[in-house]
């Protein structure tokens, strides 16, 4: 098997499908975590949100947003948002899995949808929403070299992760932190079957159980 097929087989083991799609208590959102293979290495594609946006302006995110009434499910939301934000046609995404939803700082239930795209995909960012689109090696999120963490941050579970990434092509610097960093670490640990070099704040051998426990605990308090 090549690296793509191997990664798909690995990630499918963690697919939760529609398990959490019927939770009625929280507004829902989804993000697409696009993966691709470049020079035999796994990469993901991230965006810098426009400074003109009302929420999370100027922050690094994965393509995504709130559930629309016309969306059939979490996958639909992620694919629609990715097309709106970076011009990625839904049919060009090979959806692999849905991971456990995580509640963000605004109280949204955010479902990570992981899918493969072609290395040749050329983003067309919507300037009203996205300032930049850039690739990051997935292995970057398991290394402590450009990582730091803050503890006991209000509203967070475990450490608040933060990465400083310099795009080798443009020289631009990006600060990747919070929920986006957690999702990137989670996908990197699962896809690469690699324990990060730093304390992640959850069991990297069985991370989904940890996040499911957190989710059930938070929902039970609503």
N, C-alpha and C. Protein backbone atom coordinates (compact mmCIF):
# COMPACT_ATOMS: atom_id res chain seq x y z
N UNK A 1 0.84 -1.21 0.00
CA UNK A 1 0.00 0.00 0.00
C UNK A 1 0.87 1.25 0.00
N UNK A 2 0.43 2.28 -0.74
CA UNK A 2 1.18 3.53 -0.69
C UNK A 2 0.73 4.33 0.53
N UNK A 3 1.38 5.48 0.74
CA UNK A 3 1.12 6.24 1.96
C UNK A 3 -0.34 6.71 2.07
N UNK A 4 -0.93 7.08 0.93
CA UNK A 4 -2.33 7.52 0.96
C UNK A 4 -3.25 6.38 1.37
N UNK A 5 -3.13 5.25 0.72
CA UNK A 5 -3.99 4.09 1.04
C UNK A 5 -3.79 3.65 2.48
N UNK A 6 -2.55 3.67 2.93
CA UNK A 6 -2.24 3.27 4.30
C UNK A 6 -2.89 4.22 5.31
N UNK A 7 -2.83 5.52 5.02
CA UNK A 7 -3.42 6.52 5.91
C UNK A 7 -4.93 6.40 5.93
N UNK A 8 -5.53 6.19 4.77
CA UNK A 8 -6.99 6.02 4.70
C UNK A 8 -7.43 4.83 5.54
N UNK A 9 -6.72 3.71 5.38
CA UNK A 9 -7.06 2.50 6.16
C UNK A 9 -6.93 2.76 7.66
N UNK A 10 -5.90 3.52 8.05
CA UNK A 10 -5.69 3.83 9.47
C UNK A 10 -6.80 4.72 10.00
N UNK A 11 -7.11 5.80 9.27
CA UNK A 11 -8.09 6.77 9.75
C UNK A 11 -9.51 6.21 9.78
N UNK A 12 -9.82 5.30 8.85
CA UNK A 12 -11.16 4.72 8.82
C UNK A 12 -11.49 3.97 10.12
N UNK A 13 -10.47 3.52 10.82
CA UNK A 13 -10.70 2.83 12.08
C UNK A 13 -11.29 3.76 13.14
N UNK A 14 -11.11 5.06 12.94
CA UNK A 14 -11.57 6.04 13.94
C UNK A 14 -12.82 6.79 13.48
N UNK A 15 -13.41 6.36 12.37
CA UNK A 15 -14.59 7.03 11.83
C UNK A 15 -15.79 6.83 12.74
N UNK A 16 -16.38 7.93 13.20
CA UNK A 16 -17.55 7.85 14.08
C UNK A 16 -18.86 8.02 13.32
N UNK A 17 -18.77 8.26 12.01
CA UNK A 17 -19.98 8.36 11.19
C UNK A 17 -20.96 9.37 11.76
N UNK A 18 -22.24 8.94 11.87
CA UNK A 18 -23.30 9.84 12.35
C UNK A 18 -23.55 9.72 13.84
N UNK A 19 -22.62 9.11 14.56
CA UNK A 19 -22.84 8.81 15.98
C UNK A 19 -23.29 10.02 16.79
N UNK A 20 -22.73 11.19 16.49
CA UNK A 20 -23.05 12.38 17.29
C UNK A 20 -23.91 13.39 16.53
N UNK A 21 -24.36 13.03 15.34
CA UNK A 21 -25.07 14.01 14.51
C UNK A 21 -26.45 14.36 15.05
N UNK A 22 -27.00 13.52 15.92
CA UNK A 22 -28.36 13.78 16.41
C UNK A 22 -28.38 14.52 17.74
N UNK A 23 -27.22 14.92 18.24
CA UNK A 23 -27.20 15.67 19.50
C UNK A 23 -27.95 16.99 19.31
N UNK A 24 -29.05 17.19 20.02
CA UNK A 24 -29.90 18.35 19.75
C UNK A 24 -29.55 19.60 20.56
N UNK A 25 -28.64 19.48 21.52
CA UNK A 25 -28.51 20.54 22.51
C UNK A 25 -27.60 21.70 22.11
N UNK A 26 -26.77 21.50 21.10
CA UNK A 26 -25.81 22.53 20.74
C UNK A 26 -25.86 22.85 19.25
N UNK A 27 -25.62 24.12 18.89
CA UNK A 27 -25.49 24.45 17.46
C UNK A 27 -24.27 23.74 16.88
N UNK A 28 -24.36 23.34 15.62
CA UNK A 28 -23.31 22.50 15.03
C UNK A 28 -22.50 23.24 13.97
N UNK A 29 -21.26 22.79 13.84
CA UNK A 29 -20.37 23.30 12.80
C UNK A 29 -19.46 22.14 12.39
N UNK A 30 -18.81 22.30 11.24
CA UNK A 30 -17.86 21.28 10.77
C UNK A 30 -16.66 21.96 10.15
N UNK A 31 -15.52 21.29 10.21
CA UNK A 31 -14.35 21.74 9.47
C UNK A 31 -13.87 20.60 8.60
N UNK A 32 -13.29 20.95 7.46
CA UNK A 32 -12.65 19.95 6.60
C UNK A 32 -11.15 20.00 6.87
N UNK A 33 -10.57 18.84 7.20
CA UNK A 33 -9.13 18.74 7.36
C UNK A 33 -8.61 18.04 6.10
N UNK A 34 -8.18 18.85 5.11
CA UNK A 34 -7.75 18.27 3.83
C UNK A 34 -6.33 17.72 3.95
N UNK A 35 -6.14 16.49 3.53
CA UNK A 35 -4.81 15.89 3.51
C UNK A 35 -4.38 15.64 2.06
N UNK A 36 -3.09 15.71 1.82
CA UNK A 36 -2.56 15.31 0.51
C UNK A 36 -1.12 14.85 0.69
N UNK A 37 -0.65 14.12 -0.32
CA UNK A 37 0.71 13.59 -0.27
C UNK A 37 1.60 14.41 -1.20
N UNK A 38 2.72 14.87 -0.66
CA UNK A 38 3.69 15.63 -1.44
C UNK A 38 5.09 15.10 -1.14
N UNK A 39 5.78 14.67 -2.16
CA UNK A 39 7.12 14.10 -1.99
C UNK A 39 7.16 12.98 -0.94
N UNK A 40 6.12 12.15 -0.97
CA UNK A 40 6.07 11.01 -0.06
C UNK A 40 5.73 11.36 1.37
N UNK A 41 5.28 12.61 1.60
CA UNK A 41 4.99 13.06 2.96
C UNK A 41 3.56 13.59 3.04
N UNK A 42 2.89 13.38 4.19
CA UNK A 42 1.53 13.87 4.37
C UNK A 42 1.54 15.35 4.73
N UNK A 43 0.63 16.08 4.08
CA UNK A 43 0.45 17.51 4.37
C UNK A 43 -1.03 17.78 4.65
N UNK A 44 -1.30 18.90 5.29
CA UNK A 44 -2.66 19.39 5.40
C UNK A 44 -2.69 20.82 4.89
N UNK A 45 -3.90 21.30 4.58
CA UNK A 45 -4.07 22.64 4.04
C UNK A 45 -4.81 23.48 5.08
N UNK A 46 -4.27 24.66 5.39
CA UNK A 46 -4.88 25.52 6.40
C UNK A 46 -5.16 26.90 5.80
N UNK A 47 -6.02 27.66 6.47
CA UNK A 47 -6.38 28.99 5.99
C UNK A 47 -6.13 30.04 7.06
N UNK A 48 -5.87 31.26 6.61
CA UNK A 48 -5.82 32.41 7.51
C UNK A 48 -7.10 33.20 7.28
N UNK A 49 -7.90 33.31 8.33
CA UNK A 49 -9.19 34.00 8.18
C UNK A 49 -8.99 35.50 7.96
N UNK A 50 -9.88 36.08 7.17
CA UNK A 50 -9.83 37.50 6.89
C UNK A 50 -9.97 38.32 8.18
N UNK A 51 -9.28 39.45 8.23
CA UNK A 51 -9.37 40.33 9.40
C UNK A 51 -10.70 41.07 9.44
N UNK A 52 -11.47 40.96 8.36
CA UNK A 52 -12.76 41.65 8.29
C UNK A 52 -13.90 40.84 8.93
N UNK A 53 -13.64 39.58 9.25
CA UNK A 53 -14.70 38.71 9.80
C UNK A 53 -15.02 39.10 11.24
N UNK A 54 -16.27 38.81 11.64
CA UNK A 54 -16.70 39.16 12.99
C UNK A 54 -16.13 38.21 14.04
N UNK A 55 -15.96 36.94 13.68
CA UNK A 55 -15.44 35.96 14.64
C UNK A 55 -14.12 35.38 14.16
N UNK A 56 -13.22 35.18 15.10
CA UNK A 56 -11.90 34.56 14.83
C UNK A 56 -11.16 35.25 13.69
N UNK A 57 -11.31 36.57 13.58
CA UNK A 57 -10.66 37.33 12.52
C UNK A 57 -9.14 37.21 12.62
N UNK A 58 -8.49 36.97 11.48
CA UNK A 58 -7.03 36.90 11.44
C UNK A 58 -6.44 35.66 12.07
N UNK A 59 -7.27 34.65 12.35
CA UNK A 59 -6.77 33.42 12.96
C UNK A 59 -6.60 32.32 11.92
N UNK A 60 -5.72 31.38 12.22
CA UNK A 60 -5.52 30.21 11.35
C UNK A 60 -6.59 29.18 11.67
N UNK A 61 -7.22 28.66 10.64
CA UNK A 61 -8.28 27.67 10.80
C UNK A 61 -8.21 26.64 9.67
N UNK A 62 -8.97 25.57 9.84
CA UNK A 62 -9.27 24.71 8.71
C UNK A 62 -10.53 25.27 8.04
N UNK A 63 -10.74 25.01 6.76
CA UNK A 63 -11.97 25.47 6.11
C UNK A 63 -13.18 24.89 6.85
N UNK A 64 -14.18 25.72 7.10
CA UNK A 64 -15.36 25.20 7.80
C UNK A 64 -16.25 26.31 8.31
N UNK A 65 -17.34 25.90 8.94
CA UNK A 65 -18.28 26.88 9.47
C UNK A 65 -19.52 26.20 10.02
N UNK A 66 -20.54 27.03 10.30
CA UNK A 66 -21.77 26.55 10.93
C UNK A 66 -22.61 25.73 9.96
N UNK A 67 -23.37 24.82 10.55
CA UNK A 67 -24.32 23.99 9.79
C UNK A 67 -25.39 24.89 9.17
N UNK A 68 -25.68 24.66 7.91
CA UNK A 68 -26.73 25.37 7.19
C UNK A 68 -27.97 24.47 7.16
N UNK A 69 -29.16 25.04 7.22
CA UNK A 69 -30.38 24.21 7.18
C UNK A 69 -30.44 23.26 5.98
N UNK A 70 -29.79 23.64 4.89
CA UNK A 70 -29.82 22.80 3.68
C UNK A 70 -28.79 21.66 3.73
N UNK A 71 -27.88 21.69 4.70
CA UNK A 71 -26.86 20.64 4.81
C UNK A 71 -27.48 19.34 5.33
N UNK A 72 -27.16 18.24 4.67
CA UNK A 72 -27.72 16.95 5.10
C UNK A 72 -27.03 16.44 6.36
N UNK A 73 -25.73 16.72 6.48
CA UNK A 73 -24.99 16.21 7.63
C UNK A 73 -23.69 17.00 7.79
N UNK A 74 -22.84 16.54 8.71
CA UNK A 74 -21.58 17.23 9.01
C UNK A 74 -20.66 17.28 7.80
N UNK A 75 -20.67 16.21 7.00
CA UNK A 75 -19.82 16.16 5.81
C UNK A 75 -20.26 17.23 4.81
N UNK A 76 -21.56 17.34 4.61
CA UNK A 76 -22.10 18.36 3.71
C UNK A 76 -21.65 19.76 4.11
N UNK A 77 -21.71 20.03 5.41
CA UNK A 77 -21.31 21.34 5.92
C UNK A 77 -19.84 21.62 5.61
N UNK A 78 -18.99 20.65 5.92
CA UNK A 78 -17.55 20.82 5.71
C UNK A 78 -17.22 21.03 4.24
N UNK A 79 -17.84 20.24 3.36
CA UNK A 79 -17.56 20.35 1.93
C UNK A 79 -18.10 21.67 1.35
N UNK A 80 -19.28 22.07 1.79
CA UNK A 80 -19.86 23.34 1.30
C UNK A 80 -18.97 24.52 1.71
N UNK A 81 -18.57 24.51 2.98
CA UNK A 81 -17.74 25.62 3.47
C UNK A 81 -16.38 25.66 2.76
N UNK A 82 -15.80 24.48 2.52
CA UNK A 82 -14.50 24.44 1.83
C UNK A 82 -14.62 24.99 0.41
N UNK A 83 -15.73 24.70 -0.25
CA UNK A 83 -15.93 25.23 -1.60
C UNK A 83 -16.10 26.75 -1.55
N UNK A 84 -16.88 27.24 -0.57
CA UNK A 84 -17.11 28.67 -0.45
C UNK A 84 -15.84 29.43 -0.09
N UNK A 85 -15.01 28.84 0.77
CA UNK A 85 -13.84 29.55 1.30
C UNK A 85 -12.60 29.47 0.40
N UNK A 86 -12.33 28.27 -0.14
CA UNK A 86 -11.08 28.12 -0.90
C UNK A 86 -11.29 27.56 -2.31
N UNK A 87 -12.57 27.46 -2.74
CA UNK A 87 -12.84 27.00 -4.10
C UNK A 87 -12.57 25.53 -4.34
N UNK A 88 -12.70 24.72 -3.30
CA UNK A 88 -12.46 23.27 -3.42
C UNK A 88 -13.77 22.56 -3.78
N UNK A 89 -13.90 22.03 -4.99
CA UNK A 89 -15.14 21.36 -5.38
C UNK A 89 -15.36 20.10 -4.52
N UNK A 90 -16.58 19.88 -4.02
CA UNK A 90 -16.84 18.71 -3.17
C UNK A 90 -16.45 17.39 -3.82
N UNK A 91 -16.63 17.29 -5.14
CA UNK A 91 -16.33 16.03 -5.83
C UNK A 91 -14.82 15.76 -5.91
N UNK A 92 -14.01 16.77 -5.56
CA UNK A 92 -12.56 16.60 -5.57
C UNK A 92 -12.02 16.17 -4.20
N UNK A 93 -12.94 15.90 -3.27
CA UNK A 93 -12.53 15.48 -1.92
C UNK A 93 -12.92 14.02 -1.71
N UNK A 94 -11.97 13.20 -1.32
CA UNK A 94 -12.26 11.81 -0.95
C UNK A 94 -12.42 11.78 0.57
N UNK A 95 -13.67 11.83 1.02
CA UNK A 95 -13.93 11.87 2.47
C UNK A 95 -13.53 10.54 3.10
N UNK A 96 -12.77 10.63 4.18
CA UNK A 96 -12.25 9.42 4.83
C UNK A 96 -12.98 9.12 6.12
N UNK A 97 -13.13 10.13 6.98
CA UNK A 97 -13.75 9.87 8.28
C UNK A 97 -14.24 11.14 8.93
N UNK A 98 -15.13 10.94 9.93
CA UNK A 98 -15.54 12.00 10.83
C UNK A 98 -15.03 11.63 12.22
N UNK A 99 -14.36 12.57 12.86
CA UNK A 99 -13.83 12.32 14.20
C UNK A 99 -14.77 12.90 15.25
N UNK A 100 -14.46 12.66 16.51
CA UNK A 100 -15.35 13.08 17.59
C UNK A 100 -15.46 14.62 17.61
N UNK A 101 -16.69 15.14 17.75
CA UNK A 101 -16.86 16.60 17.79
C UNK A 101 -16.24 17.18 19.06
N UNK A 102 -15.79 18.43 18.94
CA UNK A 102 -15.21 19.15 20.06
C UNK A 102 -15.97 20.46 20.23
N UNK A 103 -16.30 20.81 21.47
CA UNK A 103 -17.02 22.06 21.72
C UNK A 103 -16.03 23.22 21.74
N UNK A 104 -16.27 24.23 20.91
CA UNK A 104 -15.33 25.36 20.85
C UNK A 104 -15.68 26.43 21.87
N UNK A 105 -14.90 27.51 21.87
CA UNK A 105 -15.05 28.56 22.88
C UNK A 105 -16.40 29.29 22.77
N UNK A 106 -17.04 29.19 21.60
CA UNK A 106 -18.33 29.85 21.40
C UNK A 106 -19.51 28.92 21.69
N UNK A 107 -19.21 27.67 22.10
CA UNK A 107 -20.29 26.73 22.40
C UNK A 107 -20.79 25.96 21.19
N UNK A 108 -20.06 26.04 20.08
CA UNK A 108 -20.42 25.26 18.88
C UNK A 108 -19.86 23.85 18.99
N UNK A 109 -20.63 22.89 18.52
CA UNK A 109 -20.17 21.50 18.45
C UNK A 109 -19.50 21.31 17.09
N UNK A 110 -18.16 21.27 17.08
CA UNK A 110 -17.41 21.26 15.82
C UNK A 110 -16.93 19.85 15.47
N UNK A 111 -17.38 19.34 14.33
CA UNK A 111 -16.98 18.01 13.88
C UNK A 111 -15.85 18.09 12.85
N UNK A 112 -14.72 17.45 13.12
CA UNK A 112 -13.65 17.40 12.12
C UNK A 112 -13.95 16.32 11.08
N UNK A 113 -13.95 16.72 9.81
CA UNK A 113 -14.14 15.79 8.69
C UNK A 113 -12.81 15.71 7.96
N UNK A 114 -12.24 14.51 7.86
CA UNK A 114 -10.94 14.35 7.23
C UNK A 114 -11.12 13.80 5.81
N UNK A 115 -10.44 14.42 4.86
CA UNK A 115 -10.56 13.95 3.48
C UNK A 115 -9.27 14.17 2.71
N UNK A 116 -9.07 13.39 1.67
CA UNK A 116 -7.89 13.55 0.82
C UNK A 116 -8.22 14.39 -0.41
N UNK A 117 -7.27 15.25 -0.77
CA UNK A 117 -7.37 16.03 -2.00
C UNK A 117 -6.10 15.76 -2.82
N UNK A 118 -6.07 16.22 -4.05
CA UNK A 118 -4.88 16.04 -4.87
C UNK A 118 -3.86 17.13 -4.57
N UNK A 119 -2.60 16.76 -4.67
CA UNK A 119 -1.53 17.74 -4.44
C UNK A 119 -1.64 18.90 -5.42
N UNK A 120 -2.19 18.62 -6.61
CA UNK A 120 -2.27 19.64 -7.66
C UNK A 120 -3.38 20.66 -7.44
N UNK A 121 -4.22 20.47 -6.41
CA UNK A 121 -5.31 21.42 -6.16
C UNK A 121 -4.75 22.83 -5.95
N UNK A 122 -5.32 23.80 -6.67
CA UNK A 122 -4.89 25.19 -6.56
C UNK A 122 -6.01 26.00 -5.90
N UNK A 123 -5.83 26.42 -4.65
CA UNK A 123 -6.89 27.13 -3.93
C UNK A 123 -7.24 28.47 -4.59
N UNK A 124 -8.54 28.79 -4.53
CA UNK A 124 -9.02 30.11 -4.97
C UNK A 124 -9.73 30.73 -3.77
N UNK A 125 -8.97 31.36 -2.86
CA UNK A 125 -9.58 31.86 -1.63
C UNK A 125 -10.60 32.97 -1.87
N UNK A 126 -11.69 32.91 -1.12
CA UNK A 126 -12.71 33.96 -1.13
C UNK A 126 -12.19 35.09 -0.25
N UNK A 127 -11.84 36.25 -0.81
CA UNK A 127 -11.20 37.31 -0.03
C UNK A 127 -12.06 37.85 1.11
N UNK A 128 -13.38 37.65 1.03
CA UNK A 128 -14.25 38.11 2.11
C UNK A 128 -14.08 37.26 3.36
N UNK A 129 -13.57 36.03 3.18
CA UNK A 129 -13.44 35.12 4.31
C UNK A 129 -12.01 34.67 4.59
N UNK A 130 -11.18 34.60 3.55
CA UNK A 130 -9.85 33.99 3.69
C UNK A 130 -8.77 34.91 3.14
N UNK A 131 -7.72 35.14 3.95
CA UNK A 131 -6.60 35.99 3.52
C UNK A 131 -5.47 35.18 2.88
N UNK A 132 -5.33 33.91 3.30
CA UNK A 132 -4.24 33.08 2.77
C UNK A 132 -4.59 31.61 2.94
N UNK A 133 -4.03 30.79 2.07
CA UNK A 133 -4.15 29.32 2.16
C UNK A 133 -2.74 28.77 2.07
N UNK A 134 -2.37 27.87 2.96
CA UNK A 134 -0.99 27.39 2.97
C UNK A 134 -0.93 25.93 3.44
N UNK A 135 0.03 25.17 2.90
CA UNK A 135 0.20 23.77 3.31
C UNK A 135 1.14 23.66 4.51
N UNK A 136 0.88 22.66 5.35
CA UNK A 136 1.74 22.38 6.50
C UNK A 136 2.01 20.88 6.56
N UNK A 137 3.27 20.45 6.70
CA UNK A 137 3.53 19.01 6.85
C UNK A 137 2.83 18.51 8.12
N UNK A 138 2.13 17.40 8.01
CA UNK A 138 1.37 16.89 9.16
C UNK A 138 2.30 16.56 10.33
N UNK A 139 3.49 16.13 10.01
CA UNK A 139 4.47 15.77 11.04
C UNK A 139 4.86 16.97 11.92
N UNK A 140 4.65 18.18 11.39
CA UNK A 140 4.95 19.41 12.14
C UNK A 140 4.20 19.42 13.48
N UNK A 141 3.00 18.83 13.49
CA UNK A 141 2.14 18.87 14.68
C UNK A 141 2.45 17.77 15.69
N UNK A 142 3.53 17.03 15.46
CA UNK A 142 3.97 16.06 16.46
C UNK A 142 5.33 16.45 17.03
N UNK A 143 5.93 17.52 16.49
CA UNK A 143 7.27 17.95 16.92
C UNK A 143 7.17 19.07 17.95
N UNK A 144 8.06 19.06 18.93
CA UNK A 144 8.03 20.11 19.94
C UNK A 144 8.86 21.34 19.55
N UNK A 145 9.53 21.26 18.41
CA UNK A 145 10.45 22.32 17.99
C UNK A 145 9.78 23.70 17.95
N UNK A 146 8.61 23.80 17.34
CA UNK A 146 7.94 25.10 17.23
C UNK A 146 6.63 25.13 18.02
N UNK A 147 6.57 24.30 19.05
CA UNK A 147 5.37 24.15 19.86
C UNK A 147 5.57 24.76 21.24
N UNK A 148 4.51 25.35 21.76
CA UNK A 148 4.51 25.73 23.18
C UNK A 148 3.10 25.52 23.71
N UNK A 149 2.96 25.48 25.02
CA UNK A 149 1.65 25.22 25.62
C UNK A 149 1.48 26.06 26.87
N UNK A 150 0.25 26.51 27.07
CA UNK A 150 -0.11 27.22 28.30
C UNK A 150 -1.08 26.34 29.08
N UNK A 151 -0.98 26.37 30.37
CA UNK A 151 -1.84 25.52 31.19
C UNK A 151 -2.85 26.36 31.97
N UNK A 152 -3.95 25.71 32.33
CA UNK A 152 -5.01 26.34 33.11
C UNK A 152 -5.62 27.55 32.40
N UNK A 153 -5.65 27.50 31.08
CA UNK A 153 -6.31 28.57 30.33
C UNK A 153 -7.82 28.45 30.51
N UNK A 154 -8.48 29.58 30.70
CA UNK A 154 -9.92 29.57 30.96
C UNK A 154 -10.68 28.90 29.83
N UNK A 155 -11.58 27.99 30.20
CA UNK A 155 -12.45 27.35 29.22
C UNK A 155 -11.82 26.25 28.42
N UNK A 156 -10.57 25.88 28.73
CA UNK A 156 -9.93 24.82 27.97
C UNK A 156 -9.77 23.56 28.81
N UNK A 157 -9.67 22.45 28.13
CA UNK A 157 -9.42 21.17 28.80
C UNK A 157 -7.99 20.78 28.47
N UNK A 158 -7.15 20.67 29.50
CA UNK A 158 -5.75 20.35 29.25
C UNK A 158 -5.00 21.57 28.74
N UNK A 159 -3.81 21.37 28.21
CA UNK A 159 -2.99 22.50 27.75
C UNK A 159 -3.56 23.20 26.52
N UNK A 160 -3.29 24.50 26.42
CA UNK A 160 -3.66 25.27 25.24
C UNK A 160 -2.45 25.24 24.31
N UNK A 161 -2.56 24.50 23.23
CA UNK A 161 -1.43 24.29 22.33
C UNK A 161 -1.26 25.45 21.36
N UNK A 162 -0.02 25.71 21.01
CA UNK A 162 0.31 26.81 20.12
C UNK A 162 1.53 26.44 19.27
N UNK A 163 1.44 26.71 17.99
CA UNK A 163 2.56 26.45 17.07
C UNK A 163 2.88 27.71 16.28
N UNK A 164 4.17 27.90 15.99
CA UNK A 164 4.58 28.99 15.11
C UNK A 164 5.17 28.36 13.85
N UNK A 165 4.49 28.59 12.74
CA UNK A 165 4.87 27.96 11.47
C UNK A 165 5.32 29.02 10.48
N UNK A 166 6.44 28.78 9.83
CA UNK A 166 6.93 29.65 8.76
C UNK A 166 6.78 28.91 7.43
N UNK A 167 5.98 29.47 6.54
CA UNK A 167 5.77 28.86 5.22
C UNK A 167 7.06 29.00 4.42
N UNK A 168 7.71 27.88 4.06
CA UNK A 168 8.99 27.97 3.35
C UNK A 168 8.88 28.60 1.96
N UNK A 169 7.69 28.56 1.37
CA UNK A 169 7.52 29.13 0.03
C UNK A 169 7.36 30.65 0.06
N UNK A 170 6.56 31.15 1.00
CA UNK A 170 6.27 32.59 1.03
C UNK A 170 7.05 33.34 2.11
N UNK A 171 7.55 32.59 3.09
CA UNK A 171 8.23 33.24 4.23
C UNK A 171 7.26 33.78 5.26
N UNK A 172 5.95 33.65 5.00
CA UNK A 172 4.94 34.15 5.93
C UNK A 172 4.95 33.33 7.22
N UNK A 173 4.68 34.01 8.33
CA UNK A 173 4.63 33.34 9.63
C UNK A 173 3.19 33.22 10.10
N UNK A 174 2.86 32.07 10.65
CA UNK A 174 1.49 31.81 11.11
C UNK A 174 1.49 31.28 12.53
N UNK A 175 0.52 31.76 13.29
CA UNK A 175 0.32 31.29 14.67
C UNK A 175 -0.88 30.34 14.66
N UNK A 176 -0.64 29.08 14.93
CA UNK A 176 -1.70 28.05 14.91
C UNK A 176 -1.95 27.64 16.35
N UNK A 177 -3.15 27.86 16.84
CA UNK A 177 -3.39 27.59 18.26
C UNK A 177 -4.84 27.17 18.52
N UNK A 178 -5.11 26.88 19.80
CA UNK A 178 -6.48 26.59 20.23
C UNK A 178 -7.06 25.33 19.61
N UNK A 179 -8.34 25.41 19.23
CA UNK A 179 -9.05 24.25 18.70
C UNK A 179 -8.42 23.74 17.41
N UNK A 180 -7.97 24.66 16.56
CA UNK A 180 -7.33 24.25 15.30
C UNK A 180 -6.08 23.43 15.58
N UNK A 181 -5.29 23.87 16.56
CA UNK A 181 -4.07 23.14 16.91
C UNK A 181 -4.41 21.75 17.46
N UNK A 182 -5.43 21.68 18.32
CA UNK A 182 -5.84 20.38 18.89
C UNK A 182 -6.25 19.41 17.78
N UNK A 183 -7.05 19.90 16.83
CA UNK A 183 -7.50 19.04 15.73
C UNK A 183 -6.33 18.59 14.87
N UNK A 184 -5.39 19.50 14.62
CA UNK A 184 -4.21 19.14 13.81
C UNK A 184 -3.37 18.09 14.53
N UNK A 185 -3.18 18.25 15.84
CA UNK A 185 -2.42 17.27 16.64
C UNK A 185 -3.12 15.92 16.60
N UNK A 186 -4.44 15.94 16.78
CA UNK A 186 -5.22 14.71 16.80
C UNK A 186 -5.09 13.95 15.48
N UNK A 187 -5.29 14.65 14.36
CA UNK A 187 -5.20 14.00 13.05
C UNK A 187 -3.77 13.51 12.78
N UNK A 188 -2.78 14.32 13.15
CA UNK A 188 -1.39 13.92 12.94
C UNK A 188 -1.06 12.66 13.74
N UNK A 189 -1.48 12.62 15.00
CA UNK A 189 -1.20 11.45 15.85
C UNK A 189 -1.86 10.19 15.29
N UNK A 190 -3.10 10.34 14.81
CA UNK A 190 -3.83 9.19 14.28
C UNK A 190 -3.29 8.76 12.92
N UNK A 191 -3.13 9.72 12.00
CA UNK A 191 -2.73 9.40 10.63
C UNK A 191 -1.30 8.87 10.56
N UNK A 192 -0.43 9.47 11.36
CA UNK A 192 0.99 9.07 11.32
C UNK A 192 1.31 7.95 12.30
N UNK A 193 0.31 7.62 13.15
CA UNK A 193 0.50 6.62 14.20
C UNK A 193 1.76 6.94 15.00
N UNK A 194 1.79 8.20 15.42
CA UNK A 194 3.00 8.72 16.06
C UNK A 194 2.64 9.51 17.31
N UNK A 195 3.30 9.22 18.39
CA UNK A 195 3.07 9.94 19.64
C UNK A 195 3.80 11.29 19.57
N UNK A 196 3.09 12.40 19.79
CA UNK A 196 3.76 13.70 19.77
C UNK A 196 4.86 13.79 20.82
N UNK A 197 5.84 14.66 20.57
CA UNK A 197 7.00 14.79 21.44
C UNK A 197 6.70 15.60 22.70
N UNK A 198 5.50 16.16 22.78
CA UNK A 198 5.12 17.00 23.92
C UNK A 198 3.87 16.43 24.59
N UNK A 199 3.57 16.95 25.77
CA UNK A 199 2.37 16.51 26.50
C UNK A 199 1.15 17.08 25.79
N UNK A 200 0.33 16.20 25.24
CA UNK A 200 -0.84 16.66 24.49
C UNK A 200 -2.05 16.91 25.38
N UNK A 201 -2.04 16.34 26.57
CA UNK A 201 -3.18 16.53 27.47
C UNK A 201 -4.25 15.48 27.30
N UNK A 202 -4.00 14.49 26.42
CA UNK A 202 -4.93 13.37 26.26
C UNK A 202 -4.13 12.14 25.88
N UNK A 203 -4.77 10.98 25.98
CA UNK A 203 -4.11 9.72 25.66
C UNK A 203 -3.97 9.61 24.14
N UNK A 204 -2.76 9.77 23.63
CA UNK A 204 -2.58 9.75 22.17
C UNK A 204 -2.77 8.35 21.58
N UNK A 205 -2.78 7.32 22.44
CA UNK A 205 -3.06 5.96 21.95
C UNK A 205 -4.55 5.72 21.78
N UNK A 206 -5.36 6.43 22.58
CA UNK A 206 -6.81 6.29 22.49
C UNK A 206 -7.46 7.66 22.69
N UNK A 207 -7.17 8.60 21.79
CA UNK A 207 -7.63 9.98 22.00
C UNK A 207 -9.14 10.15 21.89
N UNK A 208 -9.78 9.34 21.05
CA UNK A 208 -11.21 9.54 20.82
C UNK A 208 -12.03 9.27 22.08
N UNK A 209 -11.61 8.29 22.88
CA UNK A 209 -12.31 8.00 24.13
C UNK A 209 -12.26 9.21 25.05
N UNK A 210 -11.08 9.84 25.10
CA UNK A 210 -10.92 11.02 25.95
C UNK A 210 -11.88 12.13 25.51
N UNK A 211 -11.90 12.44 24.21
CA UNK A 211 -12.75 13.52 23.73
C UNK A 211 -14.24 13.19 23.86
N UNK A 212 -14.58 11.91 23.73
CA UNK A 212 -15.98 11.51 23.94
C UNK A 212 -16.39 11.73 25.39
N UNK A 213 -15.51 11.41 26.32
CA UNK A 213 -15.81 11.62 27.74
C UNK A 213 -16.01 13.11 28.03
N UNK A 214 -15.12 13.94 27.48
CA UNK A 214 -15.24 15.39 27.67
C UNK A 214 -16.57 15.89 27.10
N UNK A 215 -16.91 15.41 25.90
CA UNK A 215 -18.14 15.83 25.24
C UNK A 215 -19.36 15.46 26.08
N UNK A 216 -19.41 14.21 26.55
CA UNK A 216 -20.56 13.76 27.35
C UNK A 216 -20.66 14.54 28.65
N UNK A 217 -19.51 14.86 29.23
CA UNK A 217 -19.49 15.61 30.50
C UNK A 217 -20.03 17.02 30.29
N UNK A 218 -19.61 17.66 29.19
CA UNK A 218 -20.07 19.02 28.92
C UNK A 218 -21.56 19.04 28.60
N UNK A 219 -22.01 18.08 27.81
CA UNK A 219 -23.42 18.05 27.42
C UNK A 219 -24.33 17.76 28.61
N UNK A 220 -23.84 16.91 29.52
CA UNK A 220 -24.65 16.56 30.69
C UNK A 220 -24.90 17.75 31.60
N UNK A 221 -24.06 18.80 31.46
CA UNK A 221 -24.22 19.99 32.30
C UNK A 221 -25.15 21.02 31.67
N UNK A 222 -25.55 20.79 30.43
CA UNK A 222 -26.40 21.76 29.73
C UNK A 222 -27.86 21.65 30.18
